[in-house]
Amino acid sequence: MASEGQIGEHARTIVLLDLDGTLTASHPGIIASVVKTFEDLGLPVPSQAELRRFIGPSIPASLRRNHVDESLIGRAVSIYRSYYTDRAIFEDPSGSGRLVTGTLCNSVFPDVPDQLRALRRAGFHLSVATCKPEAQAKSICGHFGLEPLLDDVFGASQDSSRVRKDQVISYGFDSLGFNPEAGDQALMVGDRWTDADGAHAVGLDCLGCGWGYAEAGELAEHGCYRVIEHVHDLAQAVEEYFLPATAKV
């Protein structure tokens, strides 16, 4: 692995990490909360394939994609958040026997902590950039022990004024004082088209994570410069991206 001196003593090299499908296997809690939302609204529950597409984009965007009337979007988001963050009604997938909220129907992908430690040792600045509300994302990272391995967590705003991935990235850059003219560099790492499109909208490349929730061909179609299939390849792939151009030949 590269040393901090190899990356740069003053300029920062920032790795923006998606959360759902990149660091955590969050589908049980998200899907269960979405199902309860549609049931409470008296609407037909989407197919399993469509339910998986809720993972990545913002909840309002996914509801609109599923033809939920605009007049119901605010109520639907409130219902979803109540199941996802407040109501402990789901079985704990860890086997504890407890009932938990949707946020805790979740687990960290094996090897993720080791890969984050390797990236930190190499001198990278690690920031989560997720379309989840920021408070939810911080709570999840804290509960599952990821918080000490990260420098910061950036997410969507509670009032839905910041929901797209490009908006979250721009917010994170503003918070960090990101300055390419001073040599700062960044890379997005994620598993869905939203990560790739959001990165490209702000002029970044995106490293695709094939272990997440993308459909076949999705990451390549949305312009990920590379797709890796295994978590244990993450740190090496990030380091290779930031090597000087002459070293990539």
Protein backbone atom coordinates (compact mmCIF):
# COMPACT_ATOMS: atom_id res chain seq x y z
CA MET A 1 0.00 0.00 0.00
CA ALA A 2 1.07 3.57 -0.62
CA SER A 3 2.28 5.72 2.25
CA GLU A 4 0.78 9.12 3.07
CA GLY A 5 3.80 10.73 1.47
CA GLN A 6 3.10 8.94 -1.78
CA ILE A 7 -0.45 10.30 -1.84
CA GLY A 8 0.50 13.82 -0.91
CA GLU A 9 1.45 15.52 2.31
CA HIS A 10 -0.79 18.56 1.92
CA ALA A 11 -3.42 17.85 -0.75
CA ARG A 12 -6.18 15.47 0.29
CA THR A 13 -7.22 12.35 -1.57
CA ILE A 14 -10.87 11.77 -0.69
CA VAL A 15 -12.71 8.49 -1.20
CA LEU A 16 -16.49 8.97 -1.19
CA LEU A 17 -18.20 5.74 -0.17
CA ASP A 18 -21.83 4.89 -0.74
CA LEU A 19 -23.43 3.12 2.23
CA ASP A 20 -26.26 0.77 1.15
CA GLY A 21 -24.90 -1.99 -1.08
CA THR A 22 -21.33 -0.75 -0.79
CA LEU A 23 -20.51 -0.94 2.92
CA THR A 24 -23.67 -2.61 4.22
CA ALA A 25 -26.16 -5.24 3.09
CA SER A 26 -29.19 -3.14 3.92
CA HIS A 27 -31.87 -4.74 1.76
CA PRO A 28 -33.81 -6.59 4.50
CA GLY A 29 -34.71 -3.43 6.41
CA ILE A 30 -35.30 -1.21 3.40
CA ILE A 31 -37.52 -3.71 1.60
CA ALA A 32 -39.51 -4.57 4.74
CA SER A 33 -40.11 -0.87 5.44
CA VAL A 34 -41.16 -0.21 1.85
CA VAL A 35 -43.61 -3.12 1.94
CA LYS A 36 -45.19 -1.79 5.15
CA THR A 37 -45.42 1.69 3.58
CA PHE A 38 -47.37 0.44 0.56
CA GLU A 39 -49.60 -1.69 2.78
CA ASP A 40 -50.38 1.25 5.06
CA LEU A 41 -51.21 3.42 2.05
CA GLY A 42 -53.52 0.70 0.67
CA LEU A 43 -51.45 0.48 -2.51
CA PRO A 44 -50.30 -2.68 -4.33
CA VAL A 45 -46.87 -3.78 -3.13
CA PRO A 46 -44.31 -3.67 -5.96
CA SER A 47 -42.65 -6.82 -7.28
CA GLN A 48 -39.52 -8.18 -5.60
CA ALA A 49 -37.40 -6.90 -8.49
CA GLU A 50 -38.87 -3.41 -8.12
CA LEU A 51 -38.50 -3.48 -4.34
CA ARG A 52 -34.75 -4.06 -4.74
CA ARG A 53 -34.60 -0.95 -6.93
CA PHE A 54 -35.51 1.11 -3.86
CA ILE A 55 -31.96 0.54 -2.62
CA GLY A 56 -29.78 3.41 -3.79
CA PRO A 57 -32.05 6.23 -5.02
CA SER A 58 -33.87 8.49 -2.58
CA ILE A 59 -37.17 7.14 -1.26
CA PRO A 60 -39.22 9.96 -2.88
CA ALA A 61 -37.63 9.21 -6.26
CA SER A 62 -38.40 5.50 -5.92
CA LEU A 63 -41.98 6.18 -4.86
CA ARG A 64 -42.50 8.38 -7.92
CA ARG A 65 -40.98 5.69 -10.14
CA ASN A 66 -43.64 3.35 -8.77
CA HIS A 67 -46.43 5.79 -9.69
CA VAL A 68 -47.31 6.87 -6.16
CA ASP A 69 -49.43 10.00 -6.53
CA GLU A 70 -47.56 13.20 -5.79
CA SER A 71 -50.14 14.12 -3.15
CA LEU A 72 -49.12 11.01 -1.17
CA ILE A 73 -45.34 11.34 -1.39
CA GLY A 74 -44.89 13.30 1.85
CA ARG A 75 -47.10 10.92 3.81
CA ALA A 76 -45.40 7.89 2.27
CA VAL A 77 -41.95 9.17 3.22
CA SER A 78 -43.12 9.76 6.80
CA ILE A 79 -44.56 6.24 7.01
CA TYR A 80 -41.39 4.73 5.58
CA ARG A 81 -39.18 6.62 8.01
CA SER A 82 -41.34 5.56 10.96
CA TYR A 83 -40.82 1.88 10.12
CA TYR A 84 -37.19 2.34 9.15
CA THR A 85 -36.06 4.35 12.16
CA ASP A 86 -38.69 4.22 14.93
CA ARG A 87 -40.78 1.04 15.00
CA ALA A 88 -38.97 -2.04 16.26
CA ILE A 89 -41.18 -4.65 14.59
CA PHE A 90 -38.77 -6.62 12.40
CA GLU A 91 -36.81 -9.72 13.37
CA ASP A 92 -33.12 -9.03 13.97
CA PRO A 93 -31.21 -10.72 11.11
CA SER A 94 -28.25 -11.27 13.45
CA GLY A 95 -30.33 -13.88 15.28
CA SER A 96 -30.53 -12.04 18.60
CA GLY A 97 -34.24 -12.80 18.90
CA ARG A 98 -35.00 -9.10 19.37
CA LEU A 99 -37.32 -7.00 17.25
CA VAL A 100 -35.50 -4.10 15.61
CA THR A 101 -36.15 -1.12 13.36
CA GLY A 102 -35.51 -1.29 9.64
CA THR A 103 -32.17 0.46 10.06
CA LEU A 104 -30.88 -2.49 12.08
CA CYS A 105 -32.16 -5.14 9.64
CA ASN A 106 -28.75 -4.69 8.14
CA SER A 107 -25.18 -5.99 8.27
CA VAL A 108 -21.71 -4.92 7.23
CA PHE A 109 -20.33 -6.80 4.24
CA PRO A 110 -17.47 -9.13 5.25
CA ASP A 111 -14.02 -7.58 4.67
CA VAL A 112 -15.35 -3.99 4.67
CA PRO A 113 -13.72 -3.04 8.01
CA ASP A 114 -10.36 -4.45 6.91
CA GLN A 115 -10.55 -2.57 3.60
CA LEU A 116 -11.40 0.70 5.34
CA ARG A 117 -8.48 0.23 7.72
CA ALA A 118 -6.17 -0.38 4.75
CA LEU A 119 -7.38 2.78 3.04
CA ARG A 120 -6.89 4.81 6.22
CA ARG A 121 -3.36 3.44 6.63
CA ALA A 122 -2.62 4.51 3.07
CA GLY A 123 -3.59 8.08 3.92
CA PHE A 124 -6.95 8.35 2.17
CA HIS A 125 -9.69 10.57 3.63
CA LEU A 126 -12.83 8.41 3.86
CA SER A 127 -16.27 10.01 3.62
CA VAL A 128 -19.60 8.26 3.34
CA ALA A 129 -21.81 9.95 0.72
CA THR A 130 -25.32 8.50 0.81
CA CYS A 131 -28.84 9.45 -0.23
CA LYS A 132 -30.05 8.32 3.20
CA PRO A 133 -30.92 11.14 5.61
CA GLU A 134 -27.67 12.06 7.30
CA ALA A 135 -28.90 11.31 10.83
CA GLN A 136 -29.90 7.78 9.75
CA ALA A 137 -26.56 7.20 8.07
CA LYS A 138 -24.59 8.35 11.12
CA SER A 139 -26.69 6.15 13.39
CA ILE A 140 -26.11 3.10 11.20
CA CYS A 141 -22.36 3.71 10.95
CA GLY A 142 -22.20 4.11 14.71
CA HIS A 143 -24.24 1.01 15.50
CA PHE A 144 -22.28 -1.26 13.17
CA GLY A 145 -18.85 -0.01 14.24
CA LEU A 146 -17.95 1.83 11.02
CA GLU A 147 -17.80 5.32 12.51
CA PRO A 148 -14.22 5.01 13.88
CA LEU A 149 -13.03 3.90 10.44
CA LEU A 150 -14.47 6.95 8.65
CA ASP A 151 -13.56 10.63 8.65
CA ASP A 152 -17.09 11.90 8.07
CA VAL A 153 -20.60 10.92 6.98
CA PHE A 154 -22.58 13.03 4.50
CA GLY A 155 -26.20 12.32 3.68
CA ALA A 156 -29.49 13.73 2.52
CA SER A 157 -31.23 16.51 4.42
CA GLN A 158 -34.27 15.72 6.53
CA ASP A 159 -36.39 18.26 4.62
CA SER A 160 -35.63 16.57 1.25
CA SER A 161 -33.94 19.69 -0.15
CA ARG A 162 -30.76 17.59 -0.61
CA VAL A 163 -31.62 14.11 -1.89
CA ARG A 164 -29.67 13.37 -5.09
CA LYS A 165 -26.17 11.91 -4.93
CA ASP A 166 -24.63 14.91 -6.73
CA GLN A 167 -26.25 17.20 -4.15
CA VAL A 168 -24.84 15.10 -1.30
CA ILE A 169 -21.36 15.10 -2.86
CA SER A 170 -21.45 18.87 -3.37
CA TYR A 171 -22.58 19.33 0.23
CA GLY A 172 -19.74 17.13 1.42
CA PHE A 173 -17.21 19.04 -0.66
CA ASP A 174 -18.48 22.33 0.73
CA SER A 175 -18.16 20.96 4.27
CA LEU A 176 -14.62 19.77 3.59
CA GLY A 177 -13.53 22.86 1.70
CA PHE A 178 -12.59 20.61 -1.22
CA ASN A 179 -10.16 22.49 -3.46
CA PRO A 180 -8.89 20.82 -6.65
CA GLU A 181 -6.71 23.86 -7.37
CA ALA A 182 -4.78 23.05 -4.20
CA GLY A 183 -4.35 19.46 -5.37
CA ASP A 184 -7.33 17.82 -3.67
CA GLN A 185 -8.59 14.73 -5.53
CA ALA A 186 -11.66 12.54 -5.05
CA LEU A 187 -13.25 9.32 -6.26
CA MET A 188 -16.79 8.01 -5.78
CA VAL A 189 -17.25 4.34 -4.85
CA GLY A 190 -20.72 2.86 -5.15
CA ASP A 191 -22.96 0.06 -6.33
CA ARG A 192 -25.82 1.79 -8.20
CA TRP A 193 -26.41 4.04 -11.20
CA THR A 194 -27.17 6.87 -8.78
CA ASP A 195 -23.57 6.77 -7.57
CA ALA A 196 -22.17 6.85 -11.09
CA ASP A 197 -24.51 9.56 -12.33
CA GLY A 198 -24.00 11.65 -9.21
CA ALA A 199 -20.23 11.40 -9.50
CA HIS A 200 -20.23 12.36 -13.16
CA ALA A 201 -22.51 15.34 -12.47
CA VAL A 202 -19.79 16.86 -10.28
CA GLY A 203 -16.88 15.81 -12.48
CA LEU A 204 -15.76 12.67 -10.64
CA ASP A 205 -15.13 9.11 -11.73
CA CYS A 206 -16.97 6.24 -10.07
CA LEU A 207 -15.58 2.85 -9.06
CA GLY A 208 -18.40 0.31 -9.29
CA CYS A 209 -19.01 -2.29 -6.60
CA GLY A 210 -20.32 -5.49 -8.16
CA TRP A 211 -21.30 -7.03 -4.83
CA GLY A 212 -24.11 -4.53 -4.29
CA TYR A 213 -27.58 -4.02 -5.73
CA ALA A 214 -26.94 -3.02 -9.34
CA GLU A 215 -28.74 -4.89 -12.09
CA ALA A 216 -26.70 -6.69 -14.73
CA GLY A 217 -24.73 -4.20 -16.82
CA GLU A 218 -26.03 -1.19 -14.89
CA LEU A 219 -22.70 0.12 -13.62
CA ALA A 220 -20.94 -0.15 -16.97
CA GLU A 221 -23.90 1.43 -18.76
CA HIS A 222 -23.73 4.42 -16.42
CA GLY A 223 -20.04 4.97 -17.03
CA CYS A 224 -18.20 3.44 -14.08
CA TYR A 225 -14.56 3.44 -15.21
CA ARG A 226 -14.10 0.03 -13.55
CA VAL A 227 -16.26 -2.51 -11.72
CA ILE A 228 -14.80 -4.76 -9.03
CA GLU A 229 -16.65 -7.87 -7.87
CA HIS A 230 -15.18 -8.48 -4.41
CA VAL A 231 -14.87 -6.33 -1.31
CA HIS A 232 -11.32 -7.52 -0.71
CA ASP A 233 -10.26 -5.78 -3.95
CA LEU A 234 -11.46 -2.35 -2.83
CA ALA A 235 -8.35 -0.83 -1.26
CA GLN A 236 -6.08 -1.97 -4.07
CA ALA A 237 -8.47 -0.68 -6.75
CA VAL A 238 -8.68 2.74 -5.09
CA GLU A 239 -4.93 2.98 -4.76
CA GLU A 240 -4.43 1.97 -8.39
CA TYR A 241 -6.81 4.72 -9.49
CA PHE A 242 -4.74 7.39 -7.77
CA LEU A 243 -1.37 6.17 -8.99
CA PRO A 244 0.41 8.64 -11.31
CA ALA A 245 -0.55 8.13 -14.94
CA THR A 246 2.94 6.83 -15.76
CA ALA A 247 2.56 4.11 -13.14
CA LYS A 248 -0.74 2.92 -14.66
CA VAL A 249 0.83 2.05 -18.01
